């Protein structure tokens, strides 16, 4: 009976386990540099740009039920600081481990249905297809977990000025003179008056004060 793999062995994230020979305890170590696929990270926040190199170190171990894959991915992620909005780069190291189970296949290469009690468990299981497995979904999950949800260019980044938007890290002494909003309107009126008008206003204010004293 010939089985037909649905995975393409030419895909750099598809790996072949035939060398292990279904011998429990057999090991295989692999290193591979791939190009990052599209949307590899937390979309709109931080991620590895499409096409950038991702270094993989893998350990494939044959066990009774399948192949246990343990590995580490390393790459450079790019994003934007959530405080000052400046572009940033961050070295990424993501560890992962996943079991790819041996399927019980029929003569068409399809996985036979398991008993009903195991149906929910099978939804989360990953299977080998003719000795091949696709690492991409496992790698994506590992990268997302390894990346910060709120990346910053530096831990103590002070962010932007809330009044003018200036980057505070570039000017530690940056500040604005505080103006009491209760006097702001009066200061504007006073600035628009002629000298004679100001004297009349001062006299009127003095008269009011005298009445209040009486």
C-alpha atoms as a PDB file:
ATOM      1  CA  UNK A   1       0.000   0.000   0.000  1.00  0.00           C
ATOM      2  CA  UNK A   2       1.453   3.335  -0.994  1.00  0.00           C
ATOM      3  CA  UNK A   3       0.775   6.373   1.141  1.00  0.00           C
ATOM      4  CA  UNK A   4       0.728   9.851  -0.277  1.00  0.00           C
ATOM      5  CA  UNK A   5       2.205  12.693   1.741  1.00  0.00           C
ATOM      6  CA  UNK A   6       0.306  15.944   1.735  1.00  0.00           C
ATOM      7  CA  UNK A   7       3.407  17.840   2.846  1.00  0.00           C
ATOM      8  CA  UNK A   8       6.026  19.098   0.407  1.00  0.00           C
ATOM      9  CA  UNK A   9       9.512  17.952   1.417  1.00  0.00           C
ATOM     10  CA  UNK A  10      10.941  20.947  -0.472  1.00  0.00           C
ATOM     11  CA  UNK A  11       9.411  23.307   2.080  1.00  0.00           C
ATOM     12  CA  UNK A  12      12.270  24.348   4.399  1.00  0.00           C
ATOM     13  CA  UNK A  13       9.999  23.937   7.440  1.00  0.00           C
ATOM     14  CA  UNK A  14       9.044  20.374   6.533  1.00  0.00           C
ATOM     15  CA  UNK A  15      11.332  17.711   8.033  1.00  0.00           C
ATOM     16  CA  UNK A  16      11.834  14.034   7.222  1.00  0.00           C
ATOM     17  CA  UNK A  17      12.004  11.492  10.073  1.00  0.00           C
ATOM     18  CA  UNK A  18      12.642   8.346   8.005  1.00  0.00           C
ATOM     19  CA  UNK A  19      16.253   8.221   9.163  1.00  0.00           C
ATOM     20  CA  UNK A  20      15.036   7.447  12.695  1.00  0.00           C
ATOM     21  CA  UNK A  21      13.437   4.265  11.405  1.00  0.00           C
ATOM     22  CA  UNK A  22      10.773   4.084  14.131  1.00  0.00           C
ATOM     23  CA  UNK A  23      13.396   2.830  16.554  1.00  0.00           C
ATOM     24  CA  UNK A  24      12.537   4.099  20.061  1.00  0.00           C
ATOM     25  CA  UNK A  25      15.527   5.964  21.445  1.00  0.00           C
ATOM     26  CA  UNK A  26      16.985   6.854  18.038  1.00  0.00           C
ATOM     27  CA  UNK A  27      18.167  10.468  17.851  1.00  0.00           C
ATOM     28  CA  UNK A  28      18.817  12.928  15.083  1.00  0.00           C
ATOM     29  CA  UNK A  29      20.205  16.455  15.461  1.00  0.00           C
ATOM     30  CA  UNK A  30      19.645  19.045  12.777  1.00  0.00           C
ATOM     31  CA  UNK A  31      20.605  22.656  12.148  1.00  0.00           C
ATOM     32  CA  UNK A  32      18.954  24.690   9.453  1.00  0.00           C
ATOM     33  CA  UNK A  33      18.687  28.364   8.504  1.00  0.00           C
ATOM     34  CA  UNK A  34      15.393  29.312   6.925  1.00  0.00           C
ATOM     35  CA  UNK A  35      13.771  32.509   5.698  1.00  0.00           C
ATOM     36  CA  UNK A  36      11.089  33.839   8.005  1.00  0.00           C
ATOM     37  CA  UNK A  37       7.597  33.293   6.622  1.00  0.00           C
ATOM     38  CA  UNK A  38       5.043  36.063   6.345  1.00  0.00           C
ATOM     39  CA  UNK A  39       3.516  37.588   9.528  1.00  0.00           C
ATOM     40  CA  UNK A  40       6.063  35.847  11.743  1.00  0.00           C
ATOM     41  CA  UNK A  41       5.412  37.382  15.149  1.00  0.00           C
ATOM     42  CA  UNK A  42       2.795  39.584  16.791  1.00  0.00           C
ATOM     43  CA  UNK A  43       1.146  41.426  13.933  1.00  0.00           C
ATOM     44  CA  UNK A  44       1.374  45.193  14.192  1.00  0.00           C
ATOM     45  CA  UNK A  45       3.611  45.031  17.282  1.00  0.00           C
ATOM     46  CA  UNK A  46       6.871  43.129  16.748  1.00  0.00           C
ATOM     47  CA  UNK A  47       8.070  40.239  14.616  1.00  0.00           C
ATOM     48  CA  UNK A  48      10.734  38.821  12.336  1.00  0.00           C
ATOM     49  CA  UNK A  49      10.454  40.504   8.908  1.00  0.00           C
ATOM     50  CA  UNK A  50       9.527  38.187   6.071  1.00  0.00           C
ATOM     51  CA  UNK A  51      12.629  36.717   4.436  1.00  0.00           C
ATOM     52  CA  UNK A  52      14.998  37.424   7.335  1.00  0.00           C
ATOM     53  CA  UNK A  53      17.132  34.471   8.497  1.00  0.00           C
ATOM     54  CA  UNK A  54      15.928  32.222  11.304  1.00  0.00           C
ATOM     55  CA  UNK A  55      18.435  29.744  12.723  1.00  0.00           C
ATOM     56  CA  UNK A  56      17.014  26.423  13.903  1.00  0.00           C
ATOM     57  CA  UNK A  57      18.606  23.817  16.140  1.00  0.00           C
ATOM     58  CA  UNK A  58      16.526  20.643  16.380  1.00  0.00           C
ATOM     59  CA  UNK A  59      16.658  17.368  18.261  1.00  0.00           C
ATOM     60  CA  UNK A  60      14.453  14.590  16.869  1.00  0.00           C
ATOM     61  CA  UNK A  61      13.881  11.619  19.157  1.00  0.00           C
ATOM     62  CA  UNK A  62      11.953   8.516  18.212  1.00  0.00           C
ATOM     63  CA  UNK A  63       9.566   7.303  20.930  1.00  0.00           C
ATOM     64  CA  UNK A  64       6.887   4.628  21.016  1.00  0.00           C
ATOM     65  CA  UNK A  65       4.072   6.877  19.808  1.00  0.00           C
ATOM     66  CA  UNK A  66       5.919   9.099  17.366  1.00  0.00           C
ATOM     67  CA  UNK A  67       8.750  11.616  17.145  1.00  0.00           C
ATOM     68  CA  UNK A  68       9.476  14.123  19.904  1.00  0.00           C
ATOM     69  CA  UNK A  69      10.869  17.344  18.454  1.00  0.00           C
ATOM     70  CA  UNK A  70      12.809  19.718  20.725  1.00  0.00           C
ATOM     71  CA  UNK A  71      14.411  22.848  19.394  1.00  0.00           C
ATOM     72  CA  UNK A  72      15.473  26.461  19.552  1.00  0.00           C
ATOM     73  CA  UNK A  73      14.908  29.236  17.031  1.00  0.00           C
ATOM     74  CA  UNK A  74      17.062  32.379  16.896  1.00  0.00           C
ATOM     75  CA  UNK A  75      16.416  35.509  14.864  1.00  0.00           C
ATOM     76  CA  UNK A  76      16.297  39.305  15.049  1.00  0.00           C
ATOM     77  CA  UNK A  77      12.850  40.760  15.598  1.00  0.00           C
ATOM     78  CA  UNK A  78      11.879  44.293  14.620  1.00  0.00           C
ATOM     79  CA  UNK A  79       9.134  46.490  15.988  1.00  0.00           C
ATOM     80  CA  UNK A  80       8.271  49.844  17.530  1.00  0.00           C
ATOM     81  CA  UNK A  81       8.721  51.032  21.097  1.00  0.00           C
ATOM     82  CA  UNK A  82       5.295  51.424  22.697  1.00  0.00           C
ATOM     83  CA  UNK A  83       6.498  54.434  24.721  1.00  0.00           C
ATOM     84  CA  UNK A  84       8.480  56.607  22.310  1.00  0.00           C
ATOM     85  CA  UNK A  85       7.371  55.022  18.997  1.00  0.00           C
ATOM     86  CA  UNK A  86      10.982  54.674  17.787  1.00  0.00           C
ATOM     87  CA  UNK A  87      11.909  51.573  15.742  1.00  0.00           C
ATOM     88  CA  UNK A  88      13.714  48.855  17.678  1.00  0.00           C
ATOM     89  CA  UNK A  89      15.457  45.525  17.181  1.00  0.00           C
ATOM     90  CA  UNK A  90      15.476  42.638  19.626  1.00  0.00           C
ATOM     91  CA  UNK A  91      17.358  39.352  19.573  1.00  0.00           C
ATOM     92  CA  UNK A  92      14.840  36.528  19.699  1.00  0.00           C
ATOM     93  CA  UNK A  93      15.410  33.062  21.162  1.00  0.00           C
ATOM     94  CA  UNK A  94      12.390  30.763  21.260  1.00  0.00           C
ATOM     95  CA  UNK A  95      12.435  27.238  22.715  1.00  0.00           C
ATOM     96  CA  UNK A  96       9.813  24.653  21.813  1.00  0.00           C
ATOM     97  CA  UNK A  97       8.953  20.980  22.161  1.00  0.00           C
ATOM     98  CA  UNK A  98       6.246  19.046  20.332  1.00  0.00           C
ATOM     99  CA  UNK A  99       5.208  15.442  19.800  1.00  0.00           C
ATOM    100  CA  UNK A 100       4.337  14.334  16.258  1.00  0.00           C
ATOM    101  CA  UNK A 101       2.401  11.092  16.523  1.00  0.00           C
ATOM    102  CA  UNK A 102       2.494   8.110  14.173  1.00  0.00           C
ATOM    103  CA  UNK A 103      -0.894   7.922  12.448  1.00  0.00           C
ATOM    104  CA  UNK A 104      -2.773   4.690  11.789  1.00  0.00           C
ATOM    105  CA  UNK A 105      -3.383   5.182   8.096  1.00  0.00           C
ATOM    106  CA  UNK A 106      -5.752   3.418   5.711  1.00  0.00           C
ATOM    107  CA  UNK A 107      -4.864   2.491   2.157  1.00  0.00           C
ATOM    108  CA  UNK A 108      -5.461   6.086   1.037  1.00  0.00           C
ATOM    109  CA  UNK A 109      -2.969   7.501   3.506  1.00  0.00           C
ATOM    110  CA  UNK A 110      -5.694   9.044   5.660  1.00  0.00           C
ATOM    111  CA  UNK A 111      -5.683   8.927   9.433  1.00  0.00           C
ATOM    112  CA  UNK A 112      -8.271   6.484  10.735  1.00  0.00           C
ATOM    113  CA  UNK A 113     -10.881   7.855  13.082  1.00  0.00           C
ATOM    114  CA  UNK A 114     -10.073   7.237  16.717  1.00  0.00           C
ATOM    115  CA  UNK A 115     -12.676   6.169  19.258  1.00  0.00           C
ATOM    116  CA  UNK A 116     -15.146   8.872  20.262  1.00  0.00           C
ATOM    117  CA  UNK A 117     -13.577   9.244  23.716  1.00  0.00           C
ATOM    118  CA  UNK A 118     -10.353  10.457  22.125  1.00  0.00           C
ATOM    119  CA  UNK A 119     -11.925  12.777  19.565  1.00  0.00           C
ATOM    120  CA  UNK A 120     -11.281  15.956  21.562  1.00  0.00           C
ATOM    121  CA  UNK A 121      -7.676  14.965  22.306  1.00  0.00           C
ATOM    122  CA  UNK A 122      -6.999  14.360  18.612  1.00  0.00           C
ATOM    123  CA  UNK A 123      -7.897  17.968  17.776  1.00  0.00           C
ATOM    124  CA  UNK A 124      -4.748  19.114  19.582  1.00  0.00           C
ATOM    125  CA  UNK A 125      -2.486  16.321  18.346  1.00  0.00           C
ATOM    126  CA  UNK A 126      -0.065  16.693  15.461  1.00  0.00           C
ATOM    127  CA  UNK A 127       0.616  13.717  13.208  1.00  0.00           C
ATOM    128  CA  UNK A 128       3.418  12.627  10.953  1.00  0.00           C
ATOM    129  CA  UNK A 129       2.460  12.332   7.309  1.00  0.00           C
ATOM    130  CA  UNK A 130       4.461   9.621   5.589  1.00  0.00           C
ATOM    131  CA  UNK A 131       7.333  10.343   7.975  1.00  0.00           C
ATOM    132  CA  UNK A 132       7.190  14.103   7.394  1.00  0.00           C
ATOM    133  CA  UNK A 133       6.170  16.879   9.775  1.00  0.00           C
ATOM    134  CA  UNK A 134       5.563  20.606   9.315  1.00  0.00           C
ATOM    135  CA  UNK A 135       7.296  22.692  11.989  1.00  0.00           C
ATOM    136  CA  UNK A 136       5.752  26.044  11.015  1.00  0.00           C
ATOM    137  CA  UNK A 137       2.674  26.083  13.327  1.00  0.00           C
ATOM    138  CA  UNK A 138       4.796  24.987  16.310  1.00  0.00           C
ATOM    139  CA  UNK A 139       7.446  27.577  15.489  1.00  0.00           C
ATOM    140  CA  UNK A 140       4.891  30.361  15.126  1.00  0.00           C
ATOM    141  CA  UNK A 141       3.409  29.636  18.549  1.00  0.00           C
ATOM    142  CA  UNK A 142       6.866  29.565  20.150  1.00  0.00           C
ATOM    143  CA  UNK A 143       7.875  32.880  18.579  1.00  0.00           C
ATOM    144  CA  UNK A 144       4.685  34.638  19.705  1.00  0.00           C
ATOM    145  CA  UNK A 145       5.213  33.424  23.277  1.00  0.00           C
ATOM    146  CA  UNK A 146       8.853  34.568  23.251  1.00  0.00           C
ATOM    147  CA  UNK A 147       8.131  38.104  22.007  1.00  0.00           C
ATOM    148  CA  UNK A 148       7.032  40.957  24.310  1.00  0.00           C
ATOM    149  CA  UNK A 149       3.454  42.170  23.933  1.00  0.00           C
ATOM    150  CA  UNK A 150       4.637  45.721  24.725  1.00  0.00           C
ATOM    151  CA  UNK A 151       8.194  46.110  23.368  1.00  0.00           C
ATOM    152  CA  UNK A 152      10.335  49.003  24.599  1.00  0.00           C
ATOM    153  CA  UNK A 153      13.613  50.352  23.212  1.00  0.00           C
ATOM    154  CA  UNK A 154      15.034  50.326  26.760  1.00  0.00           C
ATOM    155  CA  UNK A 155      13.582  49.357  30.108  1.00  0.00           C
ATOM    156  CA  UNK A 156      13.593  52.928  31.454  1.00  0.00           C
ATOM    157  CA  UNK A 157      12.392  54.632  28.261  1.00  0.00           C
ATOM    158  CA  UNK A 158      10.568  57.802  29.459  1.00  0.00           C
ATOM    159  CA  UNK A 159       8.393  57.972  26.341  1.00  0.00           C
ATOM    160  CA  UNK A 160       7.053  61.156  24.757  1.00  0.00           C
ATOM    161  CA  UNK A 161       6.084  64.528  26.209  1.00  0.00           C
ATOM    162  CA  UNK A 162       2.333  64.538  26.731  1.00  0.00           C
ATOM    163  CA  UNK A 163       2.130  68.216  25.692  1.00  0.00           C
ATOM    164  CA  UNK A 164       4.304  68.488  22.590  1.00  0.00           C
ATOM    165  CA  UNK A 165       5.238  64.899  21.698  1.00  0.00           C
ATOM    166  CA  UNK A 166       9.002  65.388  22.063  1.00  0.00           C
ATOM    167  CA  UNK A 167      11.065  62.262  22.793  1.00  0.00           C
ATOM    168  CA  UNK A 168      12.087  62.695  26.424  1.00  0.00           C
ATOM    169  CA  UNK A 169      15.152  60.427  26.174  1.00  0.00           C
ATOM    170  CA  UNK A 170      16.721  62.950  23.771  1.00  0.00           C
ATOM    171  CA  UNK A 171      16.207  65.867  26.181  1.00  0.00           C
ATOM    172  CA  UNK A 172      16.189  64.792  29.856  1.00  0.00           C
ATOM    173  CA  UNK A 173      15.639  68.415  30.975  1.00  0.00           C
ATOM    174  CA  UNK A 174      12.632  68.912  28.721  1.00  0.00           C
ATOM    175  CA  UNK A 175       9.694  70.562  30.507  1.00  0.00           C
ATOM    176  CA  UNK A 176       6.921  73.091  30.099  1.00  0.00           C
ATOM    177  CA  UNK A 177       6.125  75.914  32.544  1.00  0.00           C
ATOM    178  CA  UNK A 178       2.878  75.070  34.230  1.00  0.00           C
ATOM    179  CA  UNK A 179       0.162  77.698  33.884  1.00  0.00           C
ATOM    180  CA  UNK A 180      -2.813  77.803  36.248  1.00  0.00           C
ATOM    181  CA  UNK A 181      -5.792  77.540  33.929  1.00  0.00           C
ATOM    182  CA  UNK A 182      -7.760  79.842  36.266  1.00  0.00           C
ATOM    183  CA  UNK A 183      -5.396  82.740  35.389  1.00  0.00           C
ATOM    184  CA  UNK A 184      -4.709  81.841  31.760  1.00  0.00           C
ATOM    185  CA  UNK A 185      -7.779  83.721  30.449  1.00  0.00           C
ATOM    186  CA  UNK A 186      -6.986  86.868  32.485  1.00  0.00           C
ATOM    187  CA  UNK A 187      -3.385  86.827  31.303  1.00  0.00           C
ATOM    188  CA  UNK A 188      -4.599  86.758  27.723  1.00  0.00           C
ATOM    189  CA  UNK A 189      -6.881  89.751  28.285  1.00  0.00           C
ATOM    190  CA  UNK A 190      -4.167  91.722  30.049  1.00  0.00           C
ATOM    191  CA  UNK A 191      -1.747  91.115  27.216  1.00  0.00           C
ATOM    192  CA  UNK A 192      -4.178  92.634  24.697  1.00  0.00           C
ATOM    193  CA  UNK A 193      -4.873  95.877  26.638  1.00  0.00           C
ATOM    194  CA  UNK A 194      -3.213  99.250  26.051  1.00  0.00           C
ATOM    195  CA  UNK A 195      -1.302 100.854  28.990  1.00  0.00           C
ATOM    196  CA  UNK A 196      -4.192 103.260  29.788  1.00  0.00           C
ATOM    197  CA  UNK A 197      -6.700 100.435  29.780  1.00  0.00           C
ATOM    198  CA  UNK A 198      -4.540  98.497  32.221  1.00  0.00           C
ATOM    199  CA  UNK A 199      -4.512 101.511  34.610  1.00  0.00           C
ATOM    200  CA  UNK A 200      -8.301 101.773  34.468  1.00  0.00           C
ATOM    201  CA  UNK A 201      -8.615  98.035  35.148  1.00  0.00           C
ATOM    202  CA  UNK A 202      -6.258  98.327  38.112  1.00  0.00           C
ATOM    203  CA  UNK A 203      -8.284 101.233  39.491  1.00  0.00           C
ATOM    204  CA  UNK A 204     -11.522  99.322  39.086  1.00  0.00           C
ATOM    205  CA  UNK A 205     -10.045  96.310  40.876  1.00  0.00           C
ATOM    206  CA  UNK A 206      -8.880  98.624  43.716  1.00  0.00           C
ATOM    207  CA  UNK A 207     -12.384 100.072  44.051  1.00  0.00           C
ATOM    208  CA  UNK A 208     -13.873  96.638  44.301  1.00  0.00           C
ATOM    209  CA  UNK A 209     -11.403  95.702  46.998  1.00  0.00           C
ATOM    210  CA  UNK A 210     -12.283  98.837  49.027  1.00  0.00           C
ATOM    211  CA  UNK A 211     -15.985  98.048  48.904  1.00  0.00           C
ATOM    212  CA  UNK A 212     -15.318  94.519  50.039  1.00  0.00           C
ATOM    213  CA  UNK A 213     -13.311  95.824  53.002  1.00  0.00           C
ATOM    214  CA  UNK A 214     -16.207  98.101  54.092  1.00  0.00           C
END
